[in-house]
Protein backbone atom coordinates (compact mmCIF):
# COMPACT_ATOMS: atom_id res chain seq x y z
CA UNK A 1 91.20 45.34 120.67
CA UNK A 2 93.62 47.83 122.24
CA UNK A 3 95.46 48.21 118.93
CA UNK A 4 92.22 48.91 117.07
CA UNK A 5 91.20 51.60 119.56
CA UNK A 6 94.65 53.18 119.40
CA UNK A 7 94.53 53.25 115.58
CA UNK A 8 91.09 54.82 115.60
CA UNK A 9 92.35 57.56 117.89
CA UNK A 10 95.19 58.28 115.52
CA UNK A 11 92.85 58.46 112.54
CA UNK A 12 90.42 60.72 114.36
CA UNK A 13 93.11 63.07 115.59
CA UNK A 14 94.66 63.38 112.17
CA UNK A 15 91.34 64.51 110.69
CA UNK A 16 90.46 66.94 113.44
CA UNK A 17 90.53 70.74 112.88
CA UNK A 18 90.70 73.46 115.50
CA UNK A 19 87.64 75.67 115.02
CA UNK A 20 85.90 78.24 117.13
CA UNK A 21 83.00 76.77 119.08
CA UNK A 22 79.61 77.44 117.51
CA UNK A 23 76.50 78.75 119.25
CA UNK A 24 76.20 80.78 122.41
CA UNK A 25 77.21 84.36 123.13
CA UNK A 26 80.40 85.65 121.44
CA UNK A 27 83.47 85.97 123.65
CA UNK A 28 83.95 89.67 124.48
CA UNK A 29 86.67 89.18 127.07
CA UNK A 30 90.09 90.50 125.99
CA UNK A 31 93.22 88.44 126.59
CA UNK A 32 94.93 89.06 129.94
CA UNK A 33 98.66 89.33 130.49
CA UNK A 34 99.84 86.52 132.81
CA UNK A 35 103.54 87.39 132.89
CA UNK A 36 106.24 89.26 131.04
CA UNK A 37 110.00 89.04 130.73
CA UNK A 38 111.41 91.40 131.69
CA UNK A 39 108.76 92.40 134.20
CA UNK A 40 107.19 95.87 134.09
CA UNK A 41 109.40 98.54 135.74
CA UNK A 42 112.53 96.36 135.45
CA UNK A 43 115.81 98.27 135.84
CA UNK A 44 119.30 97.53 134.45
CA UNK A 45 117.88 95.35 131.66
CA UNK A 46 120.62 94.24 129.25
CA UNK A 47 118.78 91.75 127.04
CA UNK A 48 117.56 91.90 123.45
CA UNK A 49 114.25 90.07 123.89
CA UNK A 50 110.78 90.74 125.36
CA UNK A 51 108.40 87.88 126.10
CA UNK A 52 104.71 88.27 127.02
CA UNK A 53 102.47 85.37 128.09
CA UNK A 54 98.65 85.51 128.05
CA UNK A 55 95.75 83.45 129.39
CA UNK A 56 94.52 82.35 125.94
CA UNK A 57 95.61 81.90 122.32
CA UNK A 58 96.45 85.25 120.75
CA UNK A 59 96.92 86.95 117.37
CA UNK A 60 99.72 89.52 116.93
CA UNK A 61 99.58 89.91 113.14
CA UNK A 62 99.08 93.70 113.47
CA UNK A 63 101.69 94.26 116.14
CA UNK A 64 104.34 95.62 113.77
CA UNK A 65 102.08 98.55 112.88
CA UNK A 66 100.47 98.97 116.32
CA UNK A 67 103.47 98.72 118.65
CA UNK A 68 104.86 102.12 119.65
CA UNK A 69 108.28 102.15 121.36
CA UNK A 70 109.53 105.42 122.84
CA UNK A 71 112.14 106.61 122.61
CA UNK A 72 112.75 105.14 119.17
CA UNK A 73 115.20 102.22 119.59
CA UNK A 74 116.71 103.00 116.18
CA UNK A 75 116.86 99.36 115.11
CA UNK A 76 114.49 96.74 113.65
CA UNK A 77 112.83 94.00 115.66
CA UNK A 78 111.17 90.66 114.94
CA UNK A 79 107.77 89.54 116.27
CA UNK A 80 107.02 85.83 116.87
CA UNK A 81 103.84 84.25 118.20
CA UNK A 82 103.73 80.82 119.81
CA UNK A 83 100.30 79.79 121.13
CA UNK A 84 99.74 82.10 124.10
CA UNK A 85 103.09 83.85 123.88
CA UNK A 86 104.48 86.87 122.00
CA UNK A 87 108.23 87.33 121.59
CA UNK A 88 109.79 90.62 120.43
CA UNK A 89 113.46 90.27 119.52
CA UNK A 90 115.93 93.07 118.68
CA UNK A 91 119.17 92.65 116.75
CA UNK A 92 121.25 94.20 119.53
CA UNK A 93 120.95 95.50 123.05
CA UNK A 94 119.06 98.75 123.65
CA UNK A 95 120.81 102.04 124.44
CA UNK A 96 122.31 102.39 127.91
CA UNK A 97 120.70 104.36 130.75
CA UNK A 98 117.43 104.79 128.87
CA UNK A 99 113.84 104.24 129.94
CA UNK A 100 111.78 102.55 127.21
CA UNK A 101 108.00 102.40 127.00
CA UNK A 102 106.40 99.71 124.83
CA UNK A 103 102.76 100.63 124.10
CA UNK A 104 101.01 97.71 122.38
CA UNK A 105 97.79 99.64 121.61
CA UNK A 106 95.49 97.20 119.65
CA UNK A 107 98.32 95.00 118.37
CA UNK A 108 97.52 91.88 120.43
CA UNK A 109 94.05 90.28 120.27
CA UNK A 110 92.50 86.93 121.15
CA UNK A 111 92.61 84.42 118.31
CA UNK A 112 88.88 83.94 117.72
CA UNK A 113 86.94 87.16 118.36
CA UNK A 114 89.86 89.60 117.90
CA UNK A 115 89.26 91.40 121.19
CA UNK A 116 92.34 93.59 121.81
CA UNK A 117 94.23 93.42 125.09
CA UNK A 118 93.45 96.65 126.95
CA UNK A 119 95.92 99.21 128.30
CA UNK A 120 98.84 96.91 127.60
CA UNK A 121 102.10 98.75 128.24
CA UNK A 122 105.55 97.72 129.40
CA UNK A 123 108.13 100.11 130.90
CA UNK A 124 111.74 99.07 131.45
CA UNK A 125 115.08 100.81 131.99
CA UNK A 126 118.53 99.86 130.80
CA UNK A 127 119.92 101.96 133.64
CA UNK A 128 119.54 102.13 137.40
CA UNK A 129 116.59 104.56 137.31
CA UNK A 130 113.21 104.66 135.57
CA UNK A 131 112.39 108.08 134.19
CA UNK A 132 109.02 109.23 135.53
CA UNK A 133 108.44 112.77 134.24
CA UNK A 134 105.31 113.70 132.24
CA UNK A 135 104.61 116.31 129.56
CA UNK A 136 101.00 116.97 128.52
CA UNK A 137 99.11 119.45 126.37
CA UNK A 138 96.51 119.96 123.66
CA UNK A 139 96.55 120.40 119.86
CA UNK A 140 94.03 122.52 117.90
CA UNK A 141 93.54 123.76 114.36
CA UNK A 142 94.74 127.36 114.09
CA UNK A 143 91.76 128.57 112.05
CA UNK A 144 88.79 126.47 113.23
CA UNK A 145 90.03 125.98 116.84
CA UNK A 146 88.85 122.36 116.64
CA UNK A 147 90.74 119.78 118.73
CA UNK A 148 92.74 117.52 116.42
CA UNK A 149 92.76 113.72 116.55
CA UNK A 150 95.79 111.56 115.64
CA UNK A 151 98.30 114.39 115.42
CA UNK A 152 101.85 113.21 116.08
CA UNK A 153 103.51 115.16 118.88
CA UNK A 154 107.28 114.74 119.12
CA UNK A 155 110.02 115.70 121.56
CA UNK A 156 113.38 116.34 119.85
CA UNK A 157 116.85 117.35 121.03
CA UNK A 158 116.49 121.11 121.56
CA UNK A 159 119.02 121.96 118.82
CA UNK A 160 117.37 119.84 116.06
CA UNK A 161 117.30 121.67 112.70
CA UNK A 162 116.02 119.32 109.97
CA UNK A 163 112.67 117.89 111.03
CA UNK A 164 112.17 116.43 107.57
CA UNK A 165 114.99 113.95 108.22
CA UNK A 166 115.06 113.50 112.00
CA UNK A 167 112.66 111.33 113.96
CA UNK A 168 111.64 112.53 117.44
CA UNK A 169 113.17 110.97 120.56
CA UNK A 170 109.69 110.61 122.06
CA UNK A 171 106.41 110.68 120.16
CA UNK A 172 102.72 110.16 120.82
CA UNK A 173 99.35 110.63 119.05
CA UNK A 174 96.60 112.95 120.25
CA UNK A 175 93.23 111.54 121.35
CA UNK A 176 89.78 112.63 120.12
CA UNK A 177 89.94 115.70 122.40
CA UNK A 178 93.30 116.76 120.97
CA UNK A 179 95.08 115.84 124.21
CA UNK A 180 98.42 114.09 124.60
CA UNK A 181 100.51 112.95 127.58
CA UNK A 182 104.13 111.80 127.45
CA UNK A 183 105.11 109.50 130.30
CA UNK A 184 108.48 108.26 131.55
CA UNK A 185 110.39 111.19 130.05
CA UNK A 186 114.03 111.74 130.87
CA UNK A 187 114.95 115.06 132.49
CA UNK A 188 116.46 117.13 129.68
CA UNK A 189 115.96 120.04 127.30
CA UNK A 190 113.68 119.41 124.29
CA UNK A 191 111.99 121.04 121.31
CA UNK A 192 108.31 120.15 120.85
CA UNK A 193 106.82 119.78 117.36
CA UNK A 194 103.30 118.62 116.36
CA UNK A 195 102.47 117.52 112.81
CA UNK A 196 99.79 115.46 111.05
CA UNK A 197 102.25 112.80 109.72
CA UNK A 198 100.05 111.64 106.84
CA UNK A 199 102.59 109.06 105.66
CA UNK A 200 103.30 107.72 109.19
CA UNK A 201 107.07 107.98 108.80
CA UNK A 202 107.63 110.16 111.91
CA UNK A 203 109.23 112.87 109.77
CA UNK A 204 107.62 116.23 109.09
CA UNK A 205 106.72 116.77 105.41
CA UNK A 206 105.92 120.46 104.99
CA UNK A 207 104.55 119.93 101.49
CA UNK A 208 101.64 117.84 102.75
CA UNK A 209 101.29 118.17 106.53
CA UNK A 210 100.05 120.68 109.10
CA UNK A 211 102.51 121.78 111.76
CA UNK A 212 102.61 123.57 115.10
CA UNK A 213 105.36 124.16 117.66
CA UNK A 214 106.48 126.00 120.75
CA UNK A 215 108.98 128.75 119.82
CA UNK A 216 111.27 128.04 122.76
CA UNK A 217 112.79 124.80 123.99
CA UNK A 218 111.26 123.24 127.11
CA UNK A 219 113.31 122.12 130.11
CA UNK A 220 111.70 118.97 131.50
CA UNK A 221 112.80 118.75 135.12
CA UNK A 222 109.27 118.42 136.51
CA UNK A 223 105.84 117.40 135.20
CA UNK A 224 104.69 119.97 132.62
CA UNK A 225 101.23 120.91 131.37
CA UNK A 226 101.90 123.03 128.28
CA UNK A 227 99.75 125.65 126.59
CA UNK A 228 97.73 124.64 123.53
CA UNK A 229 99.57 124.36 120.23
CA UNK A 230 97.75 125.34 117.02
CA UNK A 231 98.63 123.59 113.76
CA UNK A 232 98.40 124.99 110.22
CA UNK A 233 99.72 124.45 106.68
CA UNK A 234 102.89 126.30 105.63
CA UNK A 235 104.97 125.02 102.73
CA UNK A 236 108.26 126.95 102.63
CA UNK A 237 109.93 124.72 100.03
CA UNK A 238 111.03 126.16 96.70
CA UNK A 239 108.54 125.83 93.88
CA UNK A 240 109.64 123.44 91.15
CA UNK A 241 108.31 122.20 87.83
CA UNK A 242 106.83 118.69 88.10
CA UNK A 243 105.84 118.27 84.47
CA UNK A 244 105.98 120.14 81.16
CA UNK A 245 103.31 119.66 78.47
CA UNK A 246 103.98 121.06 74.99
CA UNK A 247 101.24 121.43 72.36
CA UNK A 248 100.89 123.31 69.08
CA UNK A 249 99.50 126.47 70.60
CA UNK A 250 100.27 126.22 74.29
CA UNK A 251 102.89 125.08 76.74
CA UNK A 252 101.92 124.07 80.30
CA UNK A 253 104.17 124.02 83.36
CA UNK A 254 102.72 121.95 86.21
CA UNK A 255 104.24 123.11 89.50
CA UNK A 256 104.67 121.55 92.94
CA UNK A 257 102.89 124.48 94.66
CA UNK A 258 100.02 126.78 93.67
CA UNK A 259 101.01 130.33 92.78
CA UNK A 260 99.35 133.53 93.94
CA UNK A 261 100.82 135.57 91.11
CA UNK A 262 103.46 135.23 88.39
CA UNK A 263 105.37 137.61 86.15
CA UNK A 264 107.58 137.06 83.13
CA UNK A 265 110.80 138.79 82.06
CA UNK A 266 111.81 138.14 78.45
CA UNK A 267 115.47 137.97 77.50
CA UNK A 268 114.45 139.61 74.21
CA UNK A 269 111.72 142.25 74.72
CA UNK A 270 110.28 141.60 71.25
CA UNK A 271 109.30 138.10 72.40
CA UNK A 272 106.54 139.63 74.52
CA UNK A 273 104.49 139.91 71.30
CA UNK A 274 104.90 136.21 70.56
CA UNK A 275 103.49 134.62 73.69
CA UNK A 276 101.15 135.32 76.59
CA UNK A 277 101.29 133.81 80.08
CA UNK A 278 98.45 132.80 82.41
CA UNK A 279 98.94 131.47 85.95
CA UNK A 280 96.27 129.72 88.01
CA UNK A 281 96.72 127.36 90.94
CA UNK A 282 99.64 124.99 90.35
CA UNK A 283 99.78 125.63 86.58
CA UNK A 284 101.35 128.21 84.29
CA UNK A 285 100.27 128.32 80.65
CA UNK A 286 102.03 130.00 77.74
CA UNK A 287 100.02 130.68 74.59
CA UNK A 288 101.31 131.11 71.05
CA UNK A 289 100.31 134.54 69.73
CA UNK A 290 102.25 134.37 66.44
CA UNK A 291 101.85 131.61 63.90
CA UNK A 292 105.54 131.21 63.19
CA UNK A 293 107.96 131.08 66.11
CA UNK A 294 111.30 129.81 64.87
CA UNK A 295 113.31 129.50 68.06
CA UNK A 296 112.52 128.87 71.69
CA UNK A 297 111.83 131.97 73.79
CA UNK A 298 114.13 132.52 76.77
CA UNK A 299 112.59 134.07 79.85
CA UNK A 300 112.64 134.32 83.64
CA UNK A 301 109.44 133.39 85.45
CA UNK A 302 109.03 135.01 88.87
CA UNK A 303 106.55 133.11 91.06
CA UNK A 304 104.98 134.14 94.35
CA UNK A 305 102.90 131.81 96.51
CA UNK A 306 100.29 132.54 99.19
CA UNK A 307 103.06 132.86 101.80
CA UNK A 308 104.69 135.57 99.63
CA UNK A 309 107.66 133.27 99.02
CA UNK A 310 109.24 134.14 95.67
CA UNK A 311 111.01 131.75 93.32
CA UNK A 312 112.59 132.45 89.94
CA UNK A 313 112.62 129.86 87.15
CA UNK A 314 114.83 130.06 84.07
CA UNK A 315 112.57 128.77 81.32
CA UNK A 316 112.66 128.12 77.60
CA UNK A 317 109.23 128.55 76.01
CA UNK A 318 108.51 126.60 72.85
CA UNK A 319 105.63 124.98 70.96
CA UNK A 320 105.12 122.03 68.68
CA UNK A 321 105.21 122.84 64.94
CA UNK A 322 101.77 123.73 63.63
CA UNK A 323 100.11 121.04 61.57
CA UNK A 324 98.49 121.65 58.19
CA UNK A 325 95.09 120.33 59.26
CA UNK A 326 92.29 122.85 59.40
CA UNK A 327 91.41 123.83 62.94
CA UNK A 328 87.79 123.70 64.05
CA UNK A 329 86.40 126.81 65.70
CA UNK A 330 85.83 126.09 69.37
CA UNK A 331 83.79 127.69 72.14
CA UNK A 332 85.19 130.01 74.78
CA UNK A 333 84.26 129.12 78.35
CA UNK A 334 83.30 132.38 80.09
CA UNK A 335 83.22 132.17 83.90
CA UNK A 336 81.44 134.62 86.21
CA UNK A 337 82.07 135.26 89.91
CA UNK A 338 78.29 135.75 90.35
CA UNK A 339 76.07 132.85 89.37
CA UNK A 340 72.65 133.03 87.73
CA UNK A 341 69.85 133.79 90.26
CA UNK A 342 72.37 134.61 93.00
CA UNK A 343 71.21 137.51 95.17
CA UNK A 344 73.30 140.66 94.67
CA UNK A 345 73.68 144.20 96.01
CA UNK A 346 74.74 147.49 94.41
CA UNK A 347 78.15 147.16 96.12
CA UNK A 348 79.00 144.02 94.13
CA UNK A 349 80.43 143.49 90.66
CA UNK A 350 80.52 140.72 88.07
CA UNK A 351 84.05 139.40 87.51
CA UNK A 352 84.41 137.53 84.20
CA UNK A 353 87.37 135.38 83.16
CA UNK A 354 88.47 133.07 80.36
CA UNK A 355 91.26 130.49 80.40
CA UNK A 356 93.00 131.69 77.22
CA UNK A 357 94.05 135.21 76.10
CA UNK A 358 91.55 137.21 74.05
CA UNK A 359 92.48 139.17 70.96
CA UNK A 360 89.04 140.74 70.52
CA UNK A 361 86.61 142.08 73.15
CA UNK A 362 83.51 143.86 71.77
CA UNK A 363 82.23 144.71 75.24
CA UNK A 364 80.11 147.64 74.03
CA UNK A 365 77.60 145.05 72.74
CA UNK A 366 76.84 143.81 76.27
CA UNK A 367 73.29 144.69 77.38
CA UNK A 368 72.16 145.48 80.91
CA UNK A 369 68.57 145.56 82.19
CA UNK A 370 67.03 146.79 85.43
CA UNK A 371 63.82 144.75 85.64
CA UNK A 372 62.68 144.91 82.01
CA UNK A 373 64.20 148.30 81.19
CA UNK A 374 67.48 148.46 79.29
CA UNK A 375 70.02 150.79 80.91
CA UNK A 376 73.43 152.10 79.95
CA UNK A 377 76.46 149.94 80.71
CA UNK A 378 78.95 152.47 82.06
CA UNK A 379 81.18 150.61 84.46
CA UNK A 380 82.95 147.94 82.39
CA UNK A 381 86.66 147.54 83.11
CA UNK A 382 89.16 145.41 81.18
CA UNK A 383 91.68 144.07 83.69
CA UNK A 384 93.86 142.21 81.16
CA UNK A 385 93.37 140.03 78.08
CA UNK A 386 91.67 137.34 80.18
CA UNK A 387 89.61 139.31 82.72
CA UNK A 388 86.99 142.06 82.74
CA UNK A 389 84.47 143.33 85.32
CA UNK A 390 81.02 144.95 85.27
CA UNK A 391 79.88 146.90 88.31
CA UNK A 392 76.26 146.54 89.38
CA UNK A 393 74.57 149.92 88.87
CA UNK A 394 72.91 151.79 91.74
CA UNK A 395 69.33 151.55 90.52
CA UNK A 396 65.93 150.96 92.10
CA UNK A 397 64.94 147.60 90.68
CA UNK A 398 64.02 144.07 91.70
CA UNK A 399 66.30 142.31 89.21
CA UNK A 400 69.47 142.96 87.27
CA UNK A 401 70.00 141.12 84.00
CA UNK A 402 73.18 140.96 81.94
CA UNK A 403 73.04 139.76 78.35
CA UNK A 404 76.36 138.88 76.67
CA UNK A 405 75.74 138.17 72.96
CA UNK A 406 77.59 135.45 71.10
CA UNK A 407 80.74 136.18 69.09
CA UNK A 408 81.80 139.32 71.01
CA UNK A 409 84.87 137.58 72.44
CA UNK A 410 87.56 135.89 70.37
CA UNK A 411 90.72 134.24 71.65
CA UNK A 412 94.09 133.87 69.95
CA UNK A 413 92.99 130.58 68.32
CA UNK A 414 89.84 132.07 66.78
CA UNK A 415 87.42 130.48 69.26
CA UNK A 416 84.37 132.60 70.18
CA UNK A 417 81.82 132.76 72.98
CA UNK A 418 78.21 131.64 73.11
CA UNK A 419 75.33 133.66 74.59
CA UNK A 420 75.51 134.22 78.37
CA UNK A 421 72.49 135.51 80.30
CA UNK A 422 72.61 136.20 84.05
CA UNK A 423 69.53 137.33 85.95
CA UNK A 424 70.01 138.22 89.62
CA UNK A 425 67.64 139.48 92.32
CA UNK A 426 68.81 142.94 93.46
CA UNK A 427 68.35 143.36 97.20
CA UNK A 428 67.49 146.73 98.76
CA UNK A 429 69.09 148.02 101.97
CA UNK A 430 66.14 146.86 104.09
CA UNK A 431 66.62 143.32 102.75
CA UNK A 432 70.24 143.16 103.94
CA UNK A 433 71.85 142.47 107.30
CA UNK A 434 74.70 143.79 109.43
CA UNK A 435 77.20 142.29 111.86
CA UNK A 436 79.36 144.24 114.29
CA UNK A 437 81.82 142.82 116.80
CA UNK A 438 85.06 143.03 118.72
CA UNK A 439 87.87 141.05 120.30
CA UNK A 440 89.38 141.55 123.73
CA UNK A 441 92.58 143.14 122.39
CA UNK A 442 91.85 146.74 121.37
CA UNK A 443 95.39 147.83 120.51
CA UNK A 444 96.98 145.56 117.90
CA UNK A 445 96.19 145.98 114.18
CA UNK A 446 93.76 143.34 112.93
CA UNK A 447 92.03 142.10 109.78
CA UNK A 448 88.41 140.91 109.90
CA UNK A 449 87.42 138.40 107.21
CA UNK A 450 83.76 137.73 106.38
CA UNK A 451 83.70 134.21 104.91
CA UNK A 452 81.12 131.70 103.70
CA UNK A 453 80.03 129.14 106.30
CA UNK A 454 82.61 126.57 105.09
CA UNK A 455 85.49 129.12 105.10
CA UNK A 456 86.22 128.41 101.43
CA UNK A 457 85.66 131.97 100.19
CA UNK A 458 86.40 135.46 101.52
CA UNK A 459 83.33 137.65 100.92
CA UNK A 460 84.83 140.85 102.32
CA UNK A 461 87.68 141.99 104.55
CA UNK A 462 88.41 145.13 106.57
CA UNK A 463 91.26 146.44 108.72
CA UNK A 464 90.46 147.53 112.28
CA UNK A 465 91.88 147.89 115.79
CA UNK A 466 88.87 148.41 118.09
CA UNK A 467 85.63 147.16 116.47
CA UNK A 468 84.71 145.73 113.07
CA UNK A 469 81.49 146.16 111.12
CA UNK A 470 80.19 144.50 107.95
CA UNK A 471 77.03 146.07 106.53
CA UNK A 472 74.82 145.33 103.51
CA UNK A 473 75.28 141.57 103.89
CA UNK A 474 73.15 139.24 101.78
CA UNK A 475 71.14 137.01 104.19
CA UNK A 476 72.81 133.67 104.83
CA UNK A 477 75.27 131.82 107.07
CA UNK A 478 78.78 133.19 107.53
CA UNK A 479 81.98 132.73 109.52
CA UNK A 480 84.23 135.55 110.72
CA UNK A 481 87.98 135.16 111.09
CA UNK A 482 90.21 137.71 112.84
CA UNK A 483 93.90 137.93 111.89
CA UNK A 484 96.26 139.87 114.17
CA UNK A 485 98.25 141.69 111.49
CA UNK A 486 101.22 142.59 113.67
CA UNK A 487 103.51 143.52 110.78
CA UNK A 488 100.71 145.47 109.01
CA UNK A 489 101.26 143.83 105.63
CA UNK A 490 97.56 143.10 105.07
CA UNK A 491 97.80 139.30 105.03
CA UNK A 492 98.16 136.42 107.48
CA UNK A 493 101.82 135.43 108.02
CA UNK A 494 102.49 131.75 108.73
CA UNK A 495 105.67 132.09 110.73
CA UNK A 496 108.72 129.95 110.12
CA UNK A 497 109.71 126.68 111.80
CA UNK A 498 113.36 127.08 110.82
CA UNK A 499 113.48 130.48 112.55
CA UNK A 500 111.25 129.29 115.44
CA UNK A 501 108.84 132.11 114.54
CA UNK A 502 105.16 131.51 115.32
CA UNK A 503 102.38 132.37 112.84
CA UNK A 504 100.27 135.45 113.37
CA UNK A 505 97.46 134.86 115.86
CA UNK A 506 94.02 133.96 114.49
CA UNK A 507 90.61 134.01 116.17
CA UNK A 508 87.36 132.84 114.62
CA UNK A 509 83.69 132.21 115.24
CA UNK A 510 83.16 128.70 116.58
CA UNK A 511 79.89 128.23 114.66
CA UNK A 512 78.39 129.90 111.58
CA UNK A 513 76.40 133.04 112.33
CA UNK A 514 73.03 133.50 110.63
CA UNK A 515 72.43 136.92 109.05
CA UNK A 516 68.77 137.74 108.41
CA UNK A 517 67.17 140.45 106.29
CA UNK A 518 66.84 143.89 107.96
CA UNK A 519 68.62 142.61 111.09
CA UNK A 520 71.66 143.95 112.92
CA UNK A 521 73.87 141.47 114.78
CA UNK A 522 75.62 143.72 117.31
CA UNK A 523 78.30 143.18 119.99
CA UNK A 524 79.58 139.86 118.66
CA UNK A 525 82.58 138.84 120.79
CA UNK A 526 85.18 136.61 119.16
CA UNK A 527 87.58 134.95 121.59
C-alpha cells in the first residue's frame, strides 16, 4: 500500500503545473526587498556581483532596459533570476574610489501580476567614502516654455568636446514637471548638457535631438539648485546629399537638411540657359531647359539653412537621354498662399507658386472682381519663373474674386494650368482686431512674431524695443513670440554648443490669445 501511494504522488507531481490562483481580488502588492549583497551604503566594495533577494517570485525580464547605473560602469553586465533572487554580474571589478547608484526603476516585478518594486535603489562605494552631493534643476522648451518629460540630463567632465561620441559620467531623466535631481555626486567640476536622446544611446545627435546647456562649467562642492535650462533644435552639421534621382527632364538632390535658400554658380556661364534650379525643404531640383544637352553641367551649389550655415557642393548636373515616345501634356499645380473663402484684408497679397519653371506667363489675362464688378489688375509682380504675387486692391467691397483662366501658364515641358477661382471675404477696418503689448526689458532690440495658434506659421513680424503693436488682424486665435535680437540680424540665432554660446532669448504667450472683430487687446505683458 505504501508503494502505491508513493507512486501516485510521483505521478501527480509530474503532471502538476504552477499557475496563478484563480478567483479573488488581484494581487496589487509589489515585491519587497528582503536583503541585498552588498548592502545599501556599503563602502570599499571590491566585488563584481550584486545579489537582491525578495519576499516572492519575481520577473526581471525588463531589467536590462530599466536598470540605470550612474556613473556609467563602462562595461557589460549579466542579469540572472533564480526564484526570488536577482543576480547582476559584471565582467570585472568597478572603478576605484567611485560611488555607484543602481536605480532599478520598473525593472523588477512580481511574477504573476507584474507589480513593479517601488523606489528600489542601491548605493555603494568602491572607496572609503560615499559621495552625497546633489544637483537639481528644471528643463523647458525654449519656445513654448513647457516643462519637458524624459529629457536626458548629463554631467560630463568640464572639458568634454565631442558630445556625439562621449557618454555622460552621470545621467538622469526628467519627470513630468521637467525636474531632475542627481544624487550621490562626487565633488568635482562638470559640464551640464540636456538632450532628448531619441535613440536612447546616451549620445547627443544634433541632427535629430533638442539640446540645452549651461554656458559655464559647474563646480559641485555643495548641493546645487540650478536655473532652468531651455532646449531647442539646432543642427550645425554640414549639409550632404543623401540620394540623387535622375530622370529625362529633371535631376533631384535629396539633402540631409532643409535649405532656406540656394544659389548656383556655373563653371560655364552659357550653361545657365540649359537648366534651372529650384530648392524647397530638403530637396533641390534641376530642370532641363534645352532638348539636347550633350555633356554634364559642372556647377557649385551654395546652400544656406535656417541657421544661416552655408555649405558648398561641387555638383555635376545631367539628365537621362530623352526617349522617342510622345509626351502627354500634363497639368500644372498652382498653389496659393491664400485659400478659397479665407478672410483677407487690403494689406495682404496672393502668393502663387508652381513646382517647375515656367516658360510662358500670360498674367494680363487674370481677372479681378470686387463683389461682382470687374476691376483693373495693377499690382501683379513676377518674382521668378516659379513665383508671382497679386496684391489685394484697396477697394470698398465685401468680396474679392480672382479668376485665373486655363492655359495662361506653361512650363518647360509644355504642361499648362487649369482654371483657378478664389473668392475671399474682404474685411473692413471695423471687422479687424488689434493687439499691443510689452516685455519687462525696454532696452534690448527685439522681434515680435504674430503666429497662428499652433506656431506653425508666421503671420507678421515687427522690430521693436519698447512696445509692439499688430493692427488690422483677422479675427482668430494667435500666439506671440518675442525674440531678443541682440546682434540685430533680424532672425533668431540658436547659439553654438561647441563654442558654449547660448541661443538668443525667447519669450512667448503661454496660451493662444483670441482676437475679436473691432476689439483692441492692449497692455499684453509677455514674461
